[in-house]
């Protein structure tokens, strides 16, 4: 199970790699609710995938890295 410490560690590893993306209000979706969208499409890759991919690769051992990564 994912722990809060793991989330903080991942945020630390990624802090210089990813862009901070803001929440934008989307009242048109449902005027009776407060809905916000996370603008992950503004990441350099155009998606959220850089977070998981970069973090996973950063945690590989040197031996695992030497074998390469296929994505």
Protein backbone atom coordinates (compact mmCIF):
# COMPACT_ATOMS: atom_id res chain seq x y z
CA UNK A 1 0.00 0.00 0.00
CA UNK A 2 1.21 3.50 -0.84
CA UNK A 3 2.23 5.54 2.19
CA UNK A 4 2.32 9.28 2.72
CA UNK A 5 6.10 9.09 3.12
CA UNK A 6 6.34 7.53 -0.35
CA UNK A 7 4.25 10.35 -1.81
CA UNK A 8 6.52 12.95 -0.20
CA UNK A 9 9.61 11.11 -1.43
CA UNK A 10 8.27 11.02 -4.98
CA UNK A 11 7.44 14.74 -4.81
CA UNK A 12 11.01 15.46 -3.69
CA UNK A 13 12.53 13.37 -6.49
CA UNK A 14 10.30 15.05 -9.10
CA UNK A 15 10.52 18.66 -7.88
CA UNK A 16 13.16 19.72 -10.43
CA UNK A 17 11.80 17.61 -13.29
CA UNK A 18 8.13 18.42 -13.65
CA UNK A 19 6.21 21.65 -14.00
CA UNK A 20 3.83 22.68 -11.28
CA UNK A 21 0.37 22.49 -12.82
CA UNK A 22 -2.51 24.49 -11.50
CA UNK A 23 -6.11 23.66 -10.86
CA UNK A 24 -8.60 25.56 -13.00
CA UNK A 25 -12.22 26.11 -12.11
CA UNK A 26 -14.71 24.40 -14.43
CA UNK A 27 -18.15 25.74 -13.47
CA UNK A 28 -19.56 24.80 -16.89
CA UNK A 29 -19.31 21.10 -16.02
CA UNK A 30 -21.87 21.45 -13.23
CA UNK A 31 -22.92 24.93 -12.09
CA UNK A 32 -24.17 23.49 -8.80
CA UNK A 33 -20.76 22.06 -7.83
CA UNK A 34 -17.24 23.34 -7.40
CA UNK A 35 -15.27 21.38 -9.99
CA UNK A 36 -11.58 21.89 -10.67
CA UNK A 37 -9.44 20.35 -13.38
CA UNK A 38 -5.72 19.60 -13.02
CA UNK A 39 -3.90 20.88 -16.12
CA UNK A 40 -1.49 17.99 -16.56
CA UNK A 41 -1.62 18.57 -20.32
CA UNK A 42 0.72 21.51 -19.63
CA UNK A 43 3.56 19.15 -18.67
CA UNK A 44 6.42 19.07 -21.18
CA UNK A 45 5.24 15.64 -22.40
CA UNK A 46 1.62 16.77 -22.59
CA UNK A 47 0.47 14.26 -19.98
CA UNK A 48 0.84 13.04 -16.41
CA UNK A 49 2.95 10.05 -17.45
CA UNK A 50 6.25 11.82 -16.84
CA UNK A 51 5.64 11.68 -13.07
CA UNK A 52 5.34 7.91 -12.79
CA UNK A 53 7.90 7.08 -15.47
CA UNK A 54 10.60 9.42 -14.18
CA UNK A 55 10.10 8.37 -10.58
CA UNK A 56 10.18 4.65 -11.38
CA UNK A 57 13.35 4.99 -13.46
CA UNK A 58 14.98 7.12 -10.75
CA UNK A 59 14.45 4.28 -8.27
CA UNK A 60 16.10 1.56 -10.36
CA UNK A 61 19.40 0.11 -9.20
CA UNK A 62 22.50 0.66 -11.36
CA UNK A 63 22.23 -2.96 -12.46
CA UNK A 64 18.61 -2.50 -13.52
CA UNK A 65 19.43 0.76 -15.33
CA UNK A 66 22.26 -0.98 -17.22
CA UNK A 67 19.72 -3.40 -18.67
CA UNK A 68 17.74 -0.50 -20.12
CA UNK A 69 14.09 0.48 -20.07
CA UNK A 70 11.39 -0.25 -22.61
CA UNK A 71 8.32 1.97 -22.55
